[in-house]
Amino acid sequence: MNYLKHLKRTSKSLGVAIAVVLVVAMAVSGTATSAHAQTYSLLYSFPGGTAEPGTPAGILAQGQDGNLYGASGTGGSGNCYNTRGQLVGCGTIFLMTTGGQPTVLHSFSTKDGCTIGLNLGSDGNFYGSCVNNGAYGKGYVFQFNPNTLDLIDLHDFCQQGPPNCPDGATPSSRPVEGTNGNYYGTTLSGGAYGYGTVYYINPTTKALTTILNFTDDPNVSYPSGPLFLGSNGNLYGATKGGVPALPACPPNCGTVYEVSNSGAFFKVLHTFTGSSDGATPNGVIQGKNGDFYGTTLQGGGENNQGTIFKLTPSGAFDSYSFPSTASGLPRDLEQASNGDLYGVAYGSKGDGSIFGIPPKGSPLIYTYDLSMNGGANGVDPDSALSHTSGILFGVTAEGGADNHGVFYSLTLPEAPEYCRPQIAVGQVGDPIGILGQGFGPSSEVYFGDVQATVTSATGNFITTAVPTGAQTGTLMVKTGSKKLKSVGPFYVLP
């Protein structure tokens, strides 16, 4: 698989949220034949053309209004054509209700490849990046205001020109917010040595700072996949290693790494060997137990169909080979409110699937193969987001009634409603936004046993601050008799 071709074709091999489900047989209707059934529902088929978004990809983001926000590779009012000369639009940023009603919020005028995914910032804006175009043709980072619908170009990569593009080139992850209010991301190439960077950008000044330049180390090069803000305030990510053609490994197998928000600290946590542990990692998330979880696109057993792995903070590593019976290659993970990890498998071997696995590891507890309905329920799933309603939502890049992708939901067993802080790490006094539902003027917020002061509350969003005396533990929002708890701890830093 040519990684750059895969990245440019869909702009989606990088940031994807994942979660976990149970291995059970599924009926054609999409309902599992088990006492712990989960139900797949096709909520919307993207029609293609220019009136609506088409070929959606990347990580969806839950907004402060409870709706979902995403990006598409086609659709919108831009004058872009496919290889057959048909007007298909240049792509959009869209709003999708949880019931499956889309609204185009922004139409791109050129085919910029902005489908890596969106991230909601604490300022209420969404942040994303594009792999193409910009002032210098090497991609850019943007801020999108869902209220004014303004899209602001924060930085165009390769400002100082080739061959290396010292500020980076070809973004490979959506920006994520750090504890200092800056937004962090990666580029697949460029930097001081030409092998990619980790950067942060100040959304107010638009100043970009490179905190890490990857070298020609065959493993520690070419960062890809989303960054994750860890419980200690550091950032965790993955490198795919090798060169864009993805040669056989070792030694070009990739790593998982940790870097501080200033770049002063950097550590490789695991180097993949290409055997049972896998190769070409997609990124990591931190589970509520403090362990890190991720997937690889290659390696694992005899199938070379990737792995799902766990890495403890102390460095202990364990992996599970993704089975050949599950269609596709596994992508990023997300932890749902039932404690399981869920994810999607990209359909380079079949149409793809949605899968789940318990935090303790194998076996898969659930898989839904999109191939069994001939593409009608979607092909090439690209993301899965655990909404605070407890339901999993995602998009596929292709398939559906018009083969332009679908928006789907997966109702999970024993997955309650919950609340989610926009940033799950902070110090006393830091402002915190909390997503959820059913909030109101009477809502109370607790960091463990310590009550915080609510500064504002709408039906789906609360603002507060980390109170004095708060310690690391569960975050809870109480509204009358209704209590919504966070899936994982809120980490209070010294």
Protein backbone atom coordinates (compact mmCIF):
# COMPACT_ATOMS: atom_id res chain seq x y z
CA MET A 1 0.00 0.00 0.00
CA ASN A 2 1.40 3.40 -0.98
CA TYR A 3 0.87 5.50 2.12
CA LEU A 4 0.96 8.89 0.46
CA LYS A 5 -1.45 7.74 -2.25
CA HIS A 6 -3.76 6.40 0.43
CA LEU A 7 -3.48 9.65 2.39
CA LYS A 8 -4.06 11.92 -0.59
CA ARG A 9 -6.92 9.82 -1.97
CA THR A 10 -9.10 10.16 1.08
CA SER A 11 -7.14 12.38 3.48
CA LYS A 12 -8.29 10.04 6.15
CA SER A 13 -5.66 7.55 7.09
CA LEU A 14 -4.79 9.76 10.03
CA GLY A 15 -7.05 10.87 12.75
CA VAL A 16 -9.80 8.57 13.64
CA ALA A 17 -11.61 7.98 16.83
CA ILE A 18 -12.13 4.35 17.94
CA ALA A 19 -14.16 2.44 20.47
CA VAL A 20 -14.89 -1.13 21.56
CA VAL A 21 -17.73 -3.57 20.97
CA LEU A 22 -18.56 -7.33 21.62
CA VAL A 23 -17.90 -10.27 19.18
CA VAL A 24 -21.26 -11.61 18.23
CA ALA A 25 -22.92 -12.67 15.02
CA MET A 26 -24.94 -9.99 13.29
CA ALA A 27 -28.14 -10.46 11.36
CA VAL A 28 -28.44 -8.80 7.96
CA SER A 29 -30.54 -6.09 9.58
CA GLY A 30 -27.50 -5.05 11.58
CA THR A 31 -28.82 -6.23 14.94
CA ALA A 32 -26.57 -8.60 16.87
CA THR A 33 -28.14 -11.95 17.74
CA SER A 34 -27.06 -11.80 21.35
CA ALA A 35 -28.42 -10.84 24.73
CA HIS A 36 -25.87 -8.02 24.60
CA ALA A 37 -27.02 -6.88 21.17
CA GLN A 38 -25.90 -3.72 19.46
CA THR A 39 -27.82 -2.26 16.56
CA TYR A 40 -26.36 -0.74 13.40
CA SER A 41 -28.54 1.97 11.84
CA LEU A 42 -27.95 3.68 8.52
CA LEU A 43 -29.07 7.24 9.21
CA TYR A 44 -28.15 9.02 5.97
CA SER A 45 -26.77 8.16 2.52
CA PHE A 46 -24.77 11.01 1.03
CA PRO A 47 -26.17 11.64 -2.47
CA GLY A 48 -23.14 13.17 -4.17
CA GLY A 49 -23.42 16.15 -6.48
CA THR A 50 -23.00 19.67 -5.21
CA ALA A 51 -26.08 20.35 -3.08
CA GLU A 52 -24.99 18.09 -0.21
CA PRO A 53 -21.68 16.88 1.23
CA GLY A 54 -20.25 13.69 -0.30
CA THR A 55 -17.48 11.18 0.48
CA PRO A 56 -17.16 12.18 4.15
CA ALA A 57 -14.02 11.19 6.00
CA GLY A 58 -12.04 11.92 9.12
CA ILE A 59 -12.94 12.19 12.78
CA LEU A 60 -16.34 13.65 13.60
CA ALA A 61 -16.51 16.15 16.44
CA GLN A 62 -19.37 16.69 18.87
CA GLY A 63 -20.29 20.36 19.06
CA GLN A 64 -21.47 22.44 21.98
CA ASP A 65 -25.00 22.10 20.57
CA GLY A 66 -24.92 18.28 20.66
CA ASN A 67 -24.73 17.96 16.88
CA LEU A 68 -21.87 16.32 14.99
CA TYR A 69 -19.47 18.19 12.72
CA GLY A 70 -17.36 16.72 9.95
CA ALA A 71 -15.72 17.27 6.58
CA SER A 72 -16.33 15.79 3.17
CA GLY A 73 -14.10 15.36 0.14
CA THR A 74 -16.78 16.30 -2.39
CA GLY A 75 -20.01 18.28 -2.47
CA GLY A 76 -20.56 21.96 -1.88
CA SER A 77 -20.54 24.87 -4.29
CA GLY A 78 -16.90 24.65 -5.39
CA ASN A 79 -16.13 24.01 -9.05
CA CYS A 80 -14.25 20.71 -8.83
CA TYR A 81 -14.70 17.81 -11.23
CA ASN A 82 -14.05 14.08 -11.05
CA THR A 83 -11.99 12.11 -13.56
CA ARG A 84 -15.08 11.68 -15.76
CA GLY A 85 -15.54 15.42 -16.05
CA GLN A 86 -18.55 15.55 -13.74
CA LEU A 87 -19.01 18.49 -11.37
CA VAL A 88 -18.77 17.01 -7.85
CA GLY A 89 -17.80 19.99 -5.69
CA CYS A 90 -14.56 20.52 -3.79
CA GLY A 91 -15.66 19.37 -0.34
CA THR A 92 -17.43 20.82 2.65
CA ILE A 93 -17.60 21.28 6.38
CA PHE A 94 -21.00 20.04 7.47
CA LEU A 95 -23.25 19.73 10.50
CA MET A 96 -25.08 16.44 11.02
CA THR A 97 -27.84 15.99 13.56
CA THR A 98 -27.84 12.75 15.51
CA GLY A 99 -30.96 11.84 13.56
CA GLY A 100 -29.13 12.12 10.24
CA GLN A 101 -30.00 15.56 8.82
CA PRO A 102 -27.00 17.34 7.21
CA THR A 103 -26.37 21.04 6.65
CA VAL A 104 -23.47 22.37 4.57
CA LEU A 105 -21.72 25.08 6.60
CA HIS A 106 -18.73 25.78 4.35
CA SER A 107 -17.81 24.91 0.76
CA PHE A 108 -14.15 24.68 -0.20
CA SER A 109 -13.25 26.38 -3.48
CA THR A 110 -10.41 23.99 -4.30
CA LYS A 111 -9.80 20.31 -3.56
CA ASP A 112 -7.75 20.81 -0.41
CA GLY A 113 -8.14 17.39 1.19
CA CYS A 114 -9.43 18.67 4.54
CA THR A 115 -10.89 15.33 5.67
CA ILE A 116 -8.38 14.37 8.38
CA GLY A 117 -10.98 15.28 10.97
CA LEU A 118 -12.20 18.14 13.15
CA ASN A 119 -11.52 18.93 16.79
CA LEU A 120 -13.65 21.17 19.03
CA GLY A 121 -11.60 23.76 20.89
CA SER A 122 -12.37 25.28 24.26
CA ASP A 123 -13.10 28.57 22.45
CA GLY A 124 -16.05 26.92 20.65
CA ASN A 125 -14.29 26.86 17.29
CA PHE A 126 -13.39 23.75 15.33
CA TYR A 127 -9.82 23.08 14.21
CA GLY A 128 -8.68 21.03 11.26
CA SER A 129 -5.97 20.68 8.65
CA CYS A 130 -5.75 20.09 4.93
CA VAL A 131 -3.14 18.02 3.10
CA ASN A 132 -3.26 19.99 -0.16
CA ASN A 133 -3.03 23.57 -1.42
CA GLY A 134 -2.65 26.56 0.85
CA ALA A 135 -0.41 29.40 -0.26
CA TYR A 136 2.55 27.10 -0.93
CA GLY A 137 0.79 23.91 -2.02
CA LYS A 138 1.76 21.84 1.04
CA GLY A 139 -1.40 22.09 3.12
CA TYR A 140 -2.60 24.34 5.91
CA VAL A 141 -4.22 24.51 9.37
CA PHE A 142 -7.59 26.20 9.80
CA GLN A 143 -10.04 27.42 12.42
CA PHE A 144 -13.78 27.25 11.72
CA ASN A 145 -16.38 29.24 13.65
CA PRO A 146 -19.73 27.34 13.63
CA ASN A 147 -21.66 30.50 14.52
CA THR A 148 -20.29 33.00 12.00
CA LEU A 149 -19.26 30.24 9.51
CA ASP A 150 -15.91 31.96 9.06
CA LEU A 151 -12.96 29.75 8.10
CA ILE A 152 -9.60 31.24 9.02
CA ASP A 153 -6.33 29.97 7.55
CA LEU A 154 -3.98 29.84 10.55
CA HIS A 155 -0.83 28.64 8.79
CA ASP A 156 0.25 27.65 5.28
CA PHE A 157 3.02 25.04 5.37
CA CYS A 158 6.30 25.30 3.48
CA GLN A 159 6.52 29.07 3.86
CA GLN A 160 10.31 28.99 3.46
CA GLY A 161 10.13 26.70 0.47
CA PRO A 162 11.43 23.27 -0.53
CA PRO A 163 13.27 21.01 -0.48
CA ASN A 164 12.63 20.39 3.22
CA CYS A 165 9.97 22.98 4.11
CA PRO A 166 11.42 23.76 7.58
CA ASP A 167 7.97 24.50 9.06
CA GLY A 168 6.65 21.14 7.84
CA ALA A 169 4.62 19.88 4.89
CA THR A 170 1.52 17.74 4.37
CA PRO A 171 -0.34 17.75 7.72
CA SER A 172 -0.95 14.24 9.03
CA SER A 173 -3.29 14.88 11.97
CA ARG A 174 -6.02 17.23 13.09
CA PRO A 175 -4.86 19.80 15.69
CA VAL A 176 -5.58 18.87 19.32
CA GLU A 177 -5.69 21.34 22.17
CA GLY A 178 -2.99 21.25 24.81
CA THR A 179 -3.25 22.34 28.42
CA ASN A 180 -1.70 25.71 27.50
CA GLY A 181 -4.35 26.66 24.92
CA ASN A 182 -2.14 25.96 21.92
CA TYR A 183 -3.12 23.43 19.25
CA TYR A 184 -0.78 20.57 18.40
CA GLY A 185 -0.43 18.60 15.21
CA THR A 186 1.99 16.70 12.99
CA THR A 187 3.21 16.90 9.41
CA LEU A 188 4.10 13.84 7.40
CA SER A 189 7.16 15.46 5.83
CA GLY A 190 9.20 18.64 5.97
CA GLY A 191 10.95 19.99 9.02
CA ALA A 192 14.67 20.40 9.60
CA TYR A 193 15.47 16.97 8.16
CA GLY A 194 12.52 16.37 5.85
CA TYR A 195 10.95 13.50 7.83
CA GLY A 196 8.06 15.30 9.50
CA THR A 197 7.39 17.45 12.54
CA VAL A 198 5.32 17.99 15.67
CA TYR A 199 4.17 21.59 15.92
CA TYR A 200 1.87 23.83 17.89
CA ILE A 201 0.01 26.89 16.75
CA ASN A 202 -1.33 29.81 18.77
CA PRO A 203 -4.88 30.45 17.51
CA THR A 204 -4.73 34.14 18.41
CA THR A 205 -1.37 35.14 16.97
CA LYS A 206 -1.33 32.38 14.30
CA ALA A 207 2.31 31.79 15.21
CA LEU A 208 3.50 28.24 14.50
CA THR A 209 6.29 26.65 16.54
CA THR A 210 7.98 23.37 15.65
CA ILE A 211 8.75 21.41 18.81
CA LEU A 212 10.07 18.21 17.22
CA ASN A 213 11.87 17.47 13.96
CA PHE A 214 11.94 13.80 13.01
CA THR A 215 15.16 12.45 11.52
CA ASP A 216 16.03 9.70 9.07
CA ASP A 217 15.82 7.04 11.78
CA PRO A 218 14.07 4.20 9.87
CA ASN A 219 11.51 3.76 12.66
CA VAL A 220 11.20 7.22 14.21
CA SER A 221 10.18 9.12 11.08
CA TYR A 222 7.04 10.17 9.23
CA PRO A 223 4.52 10.83 12.05
CA SER A 224 0.97 9.83 11.24
CA GLY A 225 -2.36 9.53 12.97
CA PRO A 226 -3.89 11.72 15.66
CA LEU A 227 -2.05 13.05 18.68
CA PHE A 228 -3.54 12.34 22.10
CA LEU A 229 -3.31 14.55 25.20
CA GLY A 230 -2.24 12.26 28.03
CA SER A 231 -2.99 12.36 31.73
CA ASN A 232 0.35 14.05 32.46
CA GLY A 233 -0.22 16.85 29.95
CA ASN A 234 2.20 15.38 27.41
CA LEU A 235 1.26 14.38 23.88
CA TYR A 236 1.33 10.84 22.52
CA GLY A 237 1.59 9.86 18.88
CA ALA A 238 2.91 7.38 16.35
CA THR A 239 5.38 7.27 13.50
CA LYS A 240 4.93 4.92 10.59
CA GLY A 241 8.66 4.76 9.83
CA GLY A 242 10.26 4.01 6.50
CA VAL A 243 9.50 6.08 3.44
CA PRO A 244 6.15 6.87 1.81
CA ALA A 245 6.24 3.62 -0.20
CA LEU A 246 6.11 1.65 3.06
CA PRO A 247 8.91 -0.88 2.45
CA ALA A 248 9.04 -4.14 4.35
CA CYS A 249 10.11 -3.96 7.95
CA PRO A 250 12.19 -4.19 10.05
CA PRO A 251 13.61 -1.64 10.37
CA ASN A 252 10.85 0.56 8.91
CA CYS A 253 8.07 -0.50 11.27
CA GLY A 254 7.20 2.64 13.26
CA THR A 255 6.97 3.64 16.91
CA VAL A 256 4.77 5.06 19.65
CA TYR A 257 6.27 8.17 21.22
CA GLU A 258 5.68 10.75 23.95
CA VAL A 259 6.59 14.44 23.72
CA SER A 260 6.08 17.32 26.16
CA ASN A 261 4.13 20.37 25.03
CA SER A 262 7.36 22.34 24.69
CA GLY A 263 9.30 19.58 22.98
CA ALA A 264 11.90 19.54 25.75
CA PHE A 265 11.06 15.91 26.54
CA PHE A 266 10.82 13.18 23.91
CA LYS A 267 10.76 9.43 24.39
CA VAL A 268 10.10 6.41 22.18
CA LEU A 269 7.77 4.13 24.15
CA HIS A 270 7.69 1.17 21.75
CA THR A 271 9.40 0.26 18.49
CA PHE A 272 7.45 -2.17 16.34
CA THR A 273 9.14 -5.22 14.84
CA GLY A 274 6.68 -6.15 12.11
CA SER A 275 5.92 -9.56 13.65
CA SER A 276 3.28 -10.31 16.28
CA ASP A 277 3.32 -6.73 17.61
CA GLY A 278 2.50 -5.25 14.20
CA ALA A 279 3.85 -2.43 12.06
CA THR A 280 2.72 1.02 10.88
CA PRO A 281 0.75 2.22 13.95
CA ASN A 282 -2.21 4.59 13.58
CA GLY A 283 -1.83 6.43 16.88
CA VAL A 284 -2.85 5.79 20.50
CA ILE A 285 -5.49 6.74 23.03
CA GLN A 286 -5.31 6.51 26.81
CA GLY A 287 -7.99 4.38 28.44
CA LYS A 288 -9.68 5.13 31.73
CA ASN A 289 -7.32 2.63 33.40
CA GLY A 290 -4.31 4.74 32.34
CA ASP A 291 -3.05 2.26 29.74
CA PHE A 292 -2.55 3.22 26.10
CA TYR A 293 -4.30 1.47 23.23
CA GLY A 294 -3.83 1.57 19.49
CA THR A 295 -3.83 -0.34 16.23
CA THR A 296 -1.39 -1.09 13.43
CA LEU A 297 -2.09 -1.42 9.72
CA GLN A 298 0.37 -4.26 9.15
CA GLY A 299 1.94 -7.24 10.89
CA GLY A 300 0.34 -9.55 13.38
CA GLY A 301 0.30 -13.33 13.10
CA GLU A 302 0.14 -14.85 9.64
CA ASN A 303 -2.49 -12.53 8.18
CA ASN A 304 -0.45 -9.31 8.02
CA GLN A 305 -3.79 -7.61 8.68
CA GLY A 306 -2.67 -5.48 11.57
CA THR A 307 -2.91 -5.63 15.35
CA ILE A 308 -4.63 -4.07 18.33
CA PHE A 309 -2.14 -3.32 21.10
CA LYS A 310 -1.93 -2.16 24.69
CA LEU A 311 0.99 -0.29 26.25
CA THR A 312 1.14 0.39 29.99
CA PRO A 313 2.75 3.57 31.37
CA SER A 314 5.56 1.37 32.71
CA GLY A 315 6.29 0.08 29.19
CA ALA A 316 4.67 -3.39 29.25
CA PHE A 317 3.38 -4.23 25.77
CA ASP A 318 0.75 -6.71 24.59
CA SER A 319 -0.94 -7.16 21.21
CA TYR A 320 -3.70 -9.06 19.48
CA SER A 321 -3.62 -9.95 15.78
CA PHE A 322 -6.59 -8.57 13.91
CA PRO A 323 -8.38 -11.65 12.54
CA SER A 324 -8.86 -12.33 8.84
CA THR A 325 -12.56 -12.90 9.54
CA ALA A 326 -12.94 -9.18 10.31
CA SER A 327 -13.06 -7.26 7.05
CA GLY A 328 -10.43 -4.55 6.64
CA LEU A 329 -7.40 -3.14 8.41
CA PRO A 330 -7.97 -1.70 11.91
CA ARG A 331 -7.86 2.04 12.51
CA ASP A 332 -7.94 4.35 15.52
CA LEU A 333 -9.81 3.45 18.72
CA GLU A 334 -12.17 5.16 21.10
CA GLN A 335 -13.44 4.07 24.51
CA ALA A 336 -17.21 4.00 24.86
CA SER A 337 -19.18 4.56 28.04
CA ASN A 338 -19.58 0.79 28.57
CA GLY A 339 -15.79 0.60 29.00
CA ASP A 340 -15.12 -1.29 25.79
CA LEU A 341 -12.95 -0.06 22.94
CA TYR A 342 -14.53 0.42 19.54
CA GLY A 343 -13.04 1.05 16.16
CA VAL A 344 -13.40 0.68 12.43
CA ALA A 345 -11.42 -1.32 9.90
CA TYR A 346 -10.68 0.28 6.56
CA GLY A 347 -11.77 -1.96 3.73
CA SER A 348 -8.63 -2.64 1.71
CA LYS A 349 -9.58 -6.29 2.31
CA GLY A 350 -13.35 -6.19 1.86
CA ASP A 351 -15.72 -3.29 2.47
CA GLY A 352 -14.59 -2.73 6.02
CA SER A 353 -16.08 -3.38 9.43
CA ILE A 354 -16.88 -1.95 12.86
CA PHE A 355 -15.32 -3.85 15.72
CA GLY A 356 -14.94 -3.87 19.46
CA ILE A 357 -12.57 -5.34 22.00
CA PRO A 358 -12.43 -5.29 25.82
CA PRO A 359 -9.65 -3.29 27.47
CA LYS A 360 -8.10 -6.51 28.75
CA GLY A 361 -7.47 -7.56 25.15
CA SER A 362 -8.55 -10.39 22.85
CA PRO A 363 -10.79 -11.73 21.62
CA LEU A 364 -12.91 -9.34 19.60
CA ILE A 365 -16.29 -9.09 21.25
CA TYR A 366 -18.19 -7.71 18.29
CA THR A 367 -17.77 -7.20 14.58
CA TYR A 368 -20.13 -5.84 11.95
CA ASP A 369 -18.96 -6.61 8.41
CA LEU A 370 -20.16 -3.97 5.96
CA SER A 371 -19.55 -6.38 3.05
CA MET A 372 -22.56 -8.52 3.93
CA ASN A 373 -25.00 -5.93 2.56
CA GLY A 374 -23.20 -5.35 -0.71
CA GLY A 375 -22.11 -1.84 0.21
CA ALA A 376 -25.63 -0.59 0.93
CA ASN A 377 -24.70 0.19 4.54
CA GLY A 378 -21.43 1.85 3.59
CA VAL A 379 -17.93 1.00 2.42
CA ASP A 380 -14.59 2.08 3.93
CA PRO A 381 -15.63 3.32 7.40
CA ASP A 382 -13.32 6.08 8.46
CA SER A 383 -14.27 7.12 11.94
CA ALA A 384 -16.24 6.25 15.02
CA LEU A 385 -17.16 8.76 17.71
CA SER A 386 -18.69 7.92 21.07
CA HIS A 387 -21.33 10.62 21.53
CA THR A 388 -22.20 11.62 25.08
CA SER A 389 -25.60 10.00 24.52
CA GLY A 390 -23.70 6.69 24.69
CA ILE A 391 -24.30 5.98 21.00
CA LEU A 392 -21.46 5.47 18.53
CA PHE A 393 -21.61 7.54 15.32
CA GLY A 394 -19.45 7.43 12.23
CA VAL A 395 -19.14 7.91 8.49
CA THR A 396 -17.99 5.82 5.56
CA ALA A 397 -16.24 7.33 2.55
CA GLU A 398 -18.10 5.20 0.01
CA GLY A 399 -21.13 2.94 -0.28
CA GLY A 400 -24.72 3.74 0.48
CA ALA A 401 -27.50 4.40 -2.00
CA ASP A 402 -25.36 6.57 -4.30
CA ASN A 403 -21.89 5.26 -3.37
CA HIS A 404 -20.91 8.60 -1.81
CA GLY A 405 -20.75 7.36 1.78
CA VAL A 406 -23.11 7.09 4.72
CA PHE A 407 -23.64 8.41 8.22
CA TYR A 408 -24.42 5.64 10.70
CA SER A 409 -25.01 4.93 14.36
CA LEU A 410 -24.31 1.92 16.51
CA THR A 411 -26.35 1.51 19.68
CA LEU A 412 -24.17 -0.25 22.22
CA PRO A 413 -25.06 -2.59 25.08
CA GLU A 414 -24.98 -1.10 28.57
CA ALA A 415 -23.48 2.18 27.30
CA PRO A 416 -25.09 4.95 29.39
CA GLU A 417 -25.22 8.66 28.72
CA TYR A 418 -22.17 10.44 30.09
CA CYS A 419 -20.44 13.81 30.24
CA ARG A 420 -17.12 14.57 28.59
CA PRO A 421 -14.72 17.41 29.39
CA GLN A 422 -13.25 18.97 26.27
CA ILE A 423 -9.84 18.62 27.87
CA ALA A 424 -9.53 15.93 30.56
CA VAL A 425 -6.36 17.41 32.09
CA GLY A 426 -5.93 20.68 33.95
CA GLN A 427 -4.82 22.64 36.98
CA VAL A 428 -6.90 24.28 39.70
CA GLY A 429 -8.48 27.40 38.25
CA ASP A 430 -8.34 26.28 34.62
CA PRO A 431 -11.59 26.86 32.69
CA ILE A 432 -13.20 23.62 31.50
CA GLY A 433 -15.98 22.98 29.03
CA ILE A 434 -18.16 19.89 29.49
CA LEU A 435 -20.23 18.22 26.76
CA GLY A 436 -23.38 16.26 27.50
CA GLN A 437 -27.16 16.57 27.39
CA GLY A 438 -30.02 17.54 29.65
CA PHE A 439 -28.09 20.37 31.30
CA GLY A 440 -29.76 23.48 32.67
CA PRO A 441 -29.54 26.34 35.20
CA SER A 442 -29.85 23.89 38.11
CA SER A 443 -26.96 21.67 36.94
CA GLU A 444 -24.15 21.05 39.43
CA VAL A 445 -20.61 19.97 38.56
CA TYR A 446 -18.40 17.85 40.80
CA PHE A 447 -14.73 17.02 40.45
CA GLY A 448 -14.78 13.94 42.64
CA ASP A 449 -16.43 15.15 45.84
CA VAL A 450 -15.58 18.81 45.26
CA GLN A 451 -18.29 20.98 43.75
CA ALA A 452 -17.30 23.50 41.10
CA THR A 453 -18.95 26.79 40.18
CA VAL A 454 -20.98 26.66 36.95
CA THR A 455 -20.40 29.80 34.90
CA SER A 456 -22.81 28.97 32.07
CA ALA A 457 -25.07 26.09 31.07
CA THR A 458 -27.03 25.20 27.96
CA GLY A 459 -28.79 21.96 27.17
CA ASN A 460 -25.62 20.32 25.84
CA PHE A 461 -22.71 22.32 27.24
CA ILE A 462 -21.47 23.63 30.58
CA THR A 463 -18.53 25.88 31.42
CA THR A 464 -16.85 25.75 34.79
CA ALA A 465 -13.36 25.82 36.31
CA VAL A 466 -11.32 23.25 38.22
CA PRO A 467 -12.14 24.03 41.87
CA THR A 468 -9.71 24.38 44.73
CA GLY A 469 -9.19 21.02 46.43
CA ALA A 470 -10.04 19.00 43.32
CA GLN A 471 -8.13 15.77 42.87
CA THR A 472 -7.87 13.34 39.98
CA GLY A 473 -11.09 11.37 39.69
CA THR A 474 -14.49 11.10 38.03
CA LEU A 475 -16.18 14.24 36.75
CA MET A 476 -19.94 14.36 37.34
CA VAL A 477 -22.76 16.68 36.26
CA LYS A 478 -25.93 16.44 38.36
CA THR A 479 -29.19 17.89 37.05
CA GLY A 480 -32.07 17.08 39.35
CA SER A 481 -32.02 13.31 39.80
CA LYS A 482 -29.97 12.78 36.63
CA LYS A 483 -26.26 12.15 37.07
CA LEU A 484 -23.87 12.03 34.12
CA LYS A 485 -20.35 10.81 34.84
CA SER A 486 -17.21 10.96 32.72
CA VAL A 487 -15.94 7.73 31.16
CA GLY A 488 -12.42 8.27 32.47
CA PRO A 489 -10.87 10.40 35.21
CA PHE A 490 -10.29 14.11 35.03
CA TYR A 491 -6.59 14.48 35.79
CA VAL A 492 -5.69 17.39 38.07
CA LEU A 493 -2.09 18.44 37.50
CA PRO A 494 0.04 20.03 40.20
